[in-house]
Amino acid sequence: MKKLWARIERLMMAVTFAEAGEHETAREIMREEDKTDRPRPTRRPDRTLRASSPGH
């Protein structure tokens, strides 16, 4: 829950800077969020599950 509030707080801060015309600062805040908040999932190979045929 703390992560959610921290993210909302950063989003609101970015909005405030954007409204004040500080677009680059808002972008920097959003970039920082992308780097710190969400770990990137590792890509797993797709697996197809198949039922075995009768007799095998």
PDB file of N, CA and C in Angstrom:
ATOM      1  N   MET A   1       0.821  -1.195   0.000  1.00  0.00           N
ATOM      2  CA  MET A   1       0.000   0.000   0.000  1.00  0.00           C
ATOM      3  C   MET A   1       0.871   1.267   0.000  1.00  0.00           C
ATOM      4  N   LYS A   2       2.030   1.175   0.692  1.00  0.00           N
ATOM      5  CA  LYS A   2       2.927   2.327   0.714  1.00  0.00           C
ATOM      6  C   LYS A   2       3.445   2.644  -0.680  1.00  0.00           C
ATOM      7  N   LYS A   3       3.709   1.598  -1.468  1.00  0.00           N
ATOM      8  CA  LYS A   3       4.202   1.820  -2.837  1.00  0.00           C
ATOM      9  C   LYS A   3       3.157   2.545  -3.679  1.00  0.00           C
ATOM     10  N   LEU A   4       1.897   2.178  -3.485  1.00  0.00           N
ATOM     11  CA  LEU A   4       0.820   2.822  -4.241  1.00  0.00           C
ATOM     12  C   LEU A   4       0.758   4.308  -3.899  1.00  0.00           C
ATOM     13  N   TRP A   5       0.800   4.640  -2.608  1.00  0.00           N
ATOM     14  CA  TRP A   5       0.748   6.038  -2.193  1.00  0.00           C
ATOM     15  C   TRP A   5       1.965   6.809  -2.688  1.00  0.00           C
ATOM     16  N   ALA A   6       3.127   6.176  -2.652  1.00  0.00           N
ATOM     17  CA  ALA A   6       4.341   6.834  -3.149  1.00  0.00           C
ATOM     18  C   ALA A   6       4.214   7.124  -4.641  1.00  0.00           C
ATOM     19  N   ARG A   7       3.653   6.179  -5.372  1.00  0.00           N
ATOM     20  CA  ARG A   7       3.479   6.378  -6.811  1.00  0.00           C
ATOM     21  C   ARG A   7       2.484   7.503  -7.093  1.00  0.00           C
ATOM     22  N   ILE A   8       1.373   7.514  -6.359  1.00  0.00           N
ATOM     23  CA  ILE A   8       0.377   8.573  -6.537  1.00  0.00           C
ATOM     24  C   ILE A   8       0.993   9.926  -6.220  1.00  0.00           C
ATOM     25  N   GLU A   9       1.788   9.985  -5.152  1.00  0.00           N
ATOM     26  CA  GLU A   9       2.431  11.235  -4.778  1.00  0.00           C
ATOM     27  C   GLU A   9       3.363  11.733  -5.877  1.00  0.00           C
ATOM     28  N   ARG A  10       4.154  10.825  -6.466  1.00  0.00           N
ATOM     29  CA  ARG A  10       5.048  11.226  -7.560  1.00  0.00           C
ATOM     30  C   ARG A  10       4.262  11.663  -8.794  1.00  0.00           C
ATOM     31  N   LEU A  11       3.168  10.977  -9.086  1.00  0.00           N
ATOM     32  CA  LEU A  11       2.347  11.370 -10.231  1.00  0.00           C
ATOM     33  C   LEU A  11       1.764  12.769 -10.035  1.00  0.00           C
ATOM     34  N   MET A  12       1.276  13.037  -8.835  1.00  0.00           N
ATOM     35  CA  MET A  12       0.716  14.358  -8.550  1.00  0.00           C
ATOM     36  C   MET A  12       1.790  15.440  -8.619  1.00  0.00           C
ATOM     37  N   MET A  13       2.995  15.106  -8.166  1.00  0.00           N
ATOM     38  CA  MET A  13       4.096  16.054  -8.249  1.00  0.00           C
ATOM     39  C   MET A  13       4.424  16.344  -9.713  1.00  0.00           C
ATOM     40  N   ALA A  14       4.456  15.310 -10.537  1.00  0.00           N
ATOM     41  CA  ALA A  14       4.729  15.499 -11.960  1.00  0.00           C
ATOM     42  C   ALA A  14       3.641  16.349 -12.613  1.00  0.00           C
ATOM     43  N   VAL A  15       2.402  16.114 -12.245  1.00  0.00           N
ATOM     44  CA  VAL A  15       1.289  16.908 -12.793  1.00  0.00           C
ATOM     45  C   VAL A  15       1.457  18.377 -12.409  1.00  0.00           C
ATOM     46  N   THR A  16       1.822  18.624 -11.168  1.00  0.00           N
ATOM     47  CA  THR A  16       2.003  20.000 -10.692  1.00  0.00           C
ATOM     48  C   THR A  16       3.083  20.713 -11.490  1.00  0.00           C
ATOM     49  N   PHE A  17       4.212  20.043 -11.702  1.00  0.00           N
ATOM     50  CA  PHE A  17       5.281  20.654 -12.491  1.00  0.00           C
ATOM     51  C   PHE A  17       4.845  20.873 -13.935  1.00  0.00           C
ATOM     52  N   ALA A  18       4.128  19.932 -14.497  1.00  0.00           N
ATOM     53  CA  ALA A  18       3.666  20.081 -15.884  1.00  0.00           C
ATOM     54  C   ALA A  18       2.703  21.262 -16.011  1.00  0.00           C
ATOM     55  N   GLU A  19       1.810  21.424 -15.043  1.00  0.00           N
ATOM     56  CA  GLU A  19       0.871  22.546 -15.084  1.00  0.00           C
ATOM     57  C   GLU A  19       1.576  23.883 -14.962  1.00  0.00           C
ATOM     58  N   ALA A  20       2.720  23.885 -14.264  1.00  0.00           N
ATOM     59  CA  ALA A  20       3.487  25.120 -14.088  1.00  0.00           C
ATOM     60  C   ALA A  20       4.405  25.392 -15.279  1.00  0.00           C
ATOM     61  N   GLY A  21       4.349  24.538 -16.280  1.00  0.00           N
ATOM     62  CA  GLY A  21       5.167  24.737 -17.473  1.00  0.00           C
ATOM     63  C   GLY A  21       6.539  24.088 -17.393  1.00  0.00           C
ATOM     64  N   GLU A  22       6.805  23.366 -16.333  1.00  0.00           N
ATOM     65  CA  GLU A  22       8.086  22.679 -16.163  1.00  0.00           C
ATOM     66  C   GLU A  22       7.975  21.247 -16.690  1.00  0.00           C
ATOM     67  N   HIS A  23       7.821  21.134 -17.982  1.00  0.00           N
ATOM     68  CA  HIS A  23       7.565  19.832 -18.598  1.00  0.00           C
ATOM     69  C   HIS A  23       8.732  18.868 -18.463  1.00  0.00           C
ATOM     70  N   GLU A  24       9.942  19.374 -18.606  1.00  0.00           N
ATOM     71  CA  GLU A  24      11.103  18.487 -18.502  1.00  0.00           C
ATOM     72  C   GLU A  24      11.243  17.930 -17.083  1.00  0.00           C
ATOM     73  N   THR A  25      10.974  18.749 -16.090  1.00  0.00           N
ATOM     74  CA  THR A  25      11.032  18.271 -14.702  1.00  0.00           C
ATOM     75  C   THR A  25       9.983  17.192 -14.478  1.00  0.00           C
ATOM     76  N   ALA A  26       8.794  17.391 -15.024  1.00  0.00           N
ATOM     77  CA  ALA A  26       7.736  16.379 -14.906  1.00  0.00           C
ATOM     78  C   ALA A  26       8.169  15.075 -15.563  1.00  0.00           C
ATOM     79  N   ARG A  27       8.803  15.179 -16.718  1.00  0.00           N
ATOM     80  CA  ARG A  27       9.297  13.971 -17.401  1.00  0.00           C
ATOM     81  C   ARG A  27      10.365  13.258 -16.578  1.00  0.00           C
ATOM     82  N   GLU A  28      11.251  14.040 -15.961  1.00  0.00           N
ATOM     83  CA  GLU A  28      12.288  13.429 -15.121  1.00  0.00           C
ATOM     84  C   GLU A  28      11.676  12.679 -13.943  1.00  0.00           C
ATOM     85  N   ILE A  29      10.666  13.257 -13.339  1.00  0.00           N
ATOM     86  CA  ILE A  29       9.989  12.593 -12.215  1.00  0.00           C
ATOM     87  C   ILE A  29       9.379  11.278 -12.695  1.00  0.00           C
ATOM     88  N   MET A  30       8.769  11.282 -13.861  1.00  0.00           N
ATOM     89  CA  MET A  30       8.152  10.067 -14.380  1.00  0.00           C
ATOM     90  C   MET A  30       9.216   9.028 -14.737  1.00  0.00           C
ATOM     91  N   ARG A  31      10.360   9.467 -15.262  1.00  0.00           N
ATOM     92  CA  ARG A  31      11.442   8.531 -15.570  1.00  0.00           C
ATOM     93  C   ARG A  31      11.980   7.887 -14.304  1.00  0.00           C
ATOM     94  N   GLU A  32      12.137   8.669 -13.245  1.00  0.00           N
ATOM     95  CA  GLU A  32      12.595   8.126 -11.967  1.00  0.00           C
ATOM     96  C   GLU A  32      11.643   7.060 -11.465  1.00  0.00           C
ATOM     97  N   GLU A  33      10.357   7.296 -11.637  1.00  0.00           N
ATOM     98  CA  GLU A  33       9.356   6.313 -11.203  1.00  0.00           C
ATOM     99  C   GLU A  33       9.522   5.015 -11.970  1.00  0.00           C
ATOM    100  N   ASP A  34       9.739   5.107 -13.267  1.00  0.00           N
ATOM    101  CA  ASP A  34       9.906   3.903 -14.079  1.00  0.00           C
ATOM    102  C   ASP A  34      11.121   3.095 -13.640  1.00  0.00           C
ATOM    103  N   LYS A  35      12.169   3.770 -13.217  1.00  0.00           N
ATOM    104  CA  LYS A  35      13.395   3.084 -12.826  1.00  0.00           C
ATOM    105  C   LYS A  35      13.269   2.413 -11.465  1.00  0.00           C
ATOM    106  N   THR A  36      12.574   3.039 -10.520  1.00  0.00           N
ATOM    107  CA  THR A  36      12.622   2.575  -9.145  1.00  0.00           C
ATOM    108  C   THR A  36      11.447   1.732  -8.708  1.00  0.00           C
ATOM    109  N   ASP A  37      10.271   1.989  -9.210  1.00  0.00           N
ATOM    110  CA  ASP A  37       9.085   1.343  -8.648  1.00  0.00           C
ATOM    111  C   ASP A  37       8.813  -0.060  -9.142  1.00  0.00           C
ATOM    112  N   ARG A  38       8.995  -0.272 -10.414  1.00  0.00           N
ATOM    113  CA  ARG A  38       8.550  -1.545 -10.972  1.00  0.00           C
ATOM    114  C   ARG A  38       9.707  -2.386 -11.453  1.00  0.00           C
ATOM    115  N   PRO A  39       9.958  -3.499 -10.798  1.00  0.00           N
ATOM    116  CA  PRO A  39      10.979  -4.394 -11.346  1.00  0.00           C
ATOM    117  C   PRO A  39      10.478  -4.980 -12.659  1.00  0.00           C
ATOM    118  N   ARG A  40      11.352  -5.078 -13.607  1.00  0.00           N
ATOM    119  CA  ARG A  40      10.971  -5.620 -14.906  1.00  0.00           C
ATOM    120  C   ARG A  40      10.864  -7.134 -14.830  1.00  0.00           C
ATOM    121  N   PRO A  41       9.758  -7.693 -15.278  1.00  0.00           N
ATOM    122  CA  PRO A  41       9.635  -9.151 -15.248  1.00  0.00           C
ATOM    123  C   PRO A  41      10.586  -9.787 -16.257  1.00  0.00           C
ATOM    124  N   THR A  42      11.067 -10.946 -15.909  1.00  0.00           N
ATOM    125  CA  THR A  42      11.926 -11.657 -16.844  1.00  0.00           C
ATOM    126  C   THR A  42      11.055 -12.348 -17.878  1.00  0.00           C
ATOM    127  N   ARG A  43      11.536 -12.414 -19.066  1.00  0.00           N
ATOM    128  CA  ARG A  43      10.776 -13.031 -20.155  1.00  0.00           C
ATOM    129  C   ARG A  43      10.940 -14.535 -20.064  1.00  0.00           C
ATOM    130  N   ARG A  44       9.830 -15.231 -19.976  1.00  0.00           N
ATOM    131  CA  ARG A  44       9.849 -16.688 -19.950  1.00  0.00           C
ATOM    132  C   ARG A  44       9.437 -17.218 -21.313  1.00  0.00           C
ATOM    133  N   PRO A  45      10.026 -18.309 -21.721  1.00  0.00           N
ATOM    134  CA  PRO A  45       9.583 -18.883 -22.999  1.00  0.00           C
ATOM    135  C   PRO A  45       8.147 -19.374 -22.876  1.00  0.00           C
ATOM    136  N   ASP A  46       7.408 -19.203 -23.938  1.00  0.00           N
ATOM    137  CA  ASP A  46       6.021 -19.672 -23.944  1.00  0.00           C
ATOM    138  C   ASP A  46       6.000 -21.193 -23.929  1.00  0.00           C
ATOM    139  N   ARG A  47       5.146 -21.731 -23.119  1.00  0.00           N
ATOM    140  CA  ARG A  47       5.008 -23.189 -23.048  1.00  0.00           C
ATOM    141  C   ARG A  47       3.623 -23.566 -23.553  1.00  0.00           C
ATOM    142  N   THR A  48       3.572 -24.530 -24.379  1.00  0.00           N
ATOM    143  CA  THR A  48       2.303 -25.035 -24.853  1.00  0.00           C
ATOM    144  C   THR A  48       2.066 -26.383 -24.195  1.00  0.00           C
ATOM    145  N   LEU A  49       0.958 -26.469 -23.500  1.00  0.00           N
ATOM    146  CA  LEU A  49       0.623 -27.745 -22.844  1.00  0.00           C
ATOM    147  C   LEU A  49      -0.226 -28.563 -23.803  1.00  0.00           C
ATOM    148  N   ARG A  50       0.168 -29.785 -23.975  1.00  0.00           N
ATOM    149  CA  ARG A  50      -0.580 -30.671 -24.881  1.00  0.00           C
ATOM    150  C   ARG A  50      -0.939 -31.936 -24.155  1.00  0.00           C
ATOM    151  N   ALA A  51      -2.142 -32.383 -24.376  1.00  0.00           N
ATOM    152  CA  ALA A  51      -2.564 -33.641 -23.785  1.00  0.00           C
ATOM    153  C   ALA A  51      -1.932 -34.788 -24.576  1.00  0.00           C
ATOM    154  N   SER A  52      -1.522 -35.797 -23.877  1.00  0.00           N
ATOM    155  CA  SER A  52      -0.939 -36.928 -24.594  1.00  0.00           C
ATOM    156  C   SER A  52      -2.065 -37.701 -25.289  1.00  0.00           C
ATOM    157  N   SER A  53      -1.730 -38.236 -26.418  1.00  0.00           N
ATOM    158  CA  SER A  53      -2.735 -38.987 -27.160  1.00  0.00           C
ATOM    159  C   SER A  53      -2.881 -40.377 -26.525  1.00  0.00           C
ATOM    160  N   PRO A  54      -4.052 -40.988 -26.641  1.00  0.00           N
ATOM    161  CA  PRO A  54      -4.251 -42.318 -26.074  1.00  0.00           C
ATOM    162  C   PRO A  54      -3.298 -43.315 -26.721  1.00  0.00           C
ATOM    163  N   GLY A  55      -2.737 -44.167 -25.903  1.00  0.00           N
ATOM    164  CA  GLY A  55      -1.847 -45.198 -26.423  1.00  0.00           C
ATOM    165  C   GLY A  55      -0.384 -44.838 -26.326  1.00  0.00           C
ATOM    166  N   HIS A  56      -0.064 -43.641 -25.903  1.00  0.00           N
ATOM    167  CA  HIS A  56       1.351 -43.253 -25.776  1.00  0.00           C
ATOM    168  C   HIS A  56       1.746 -43.157 -24.357  1.00  0.00           C
TER     169      HIS A  56
END
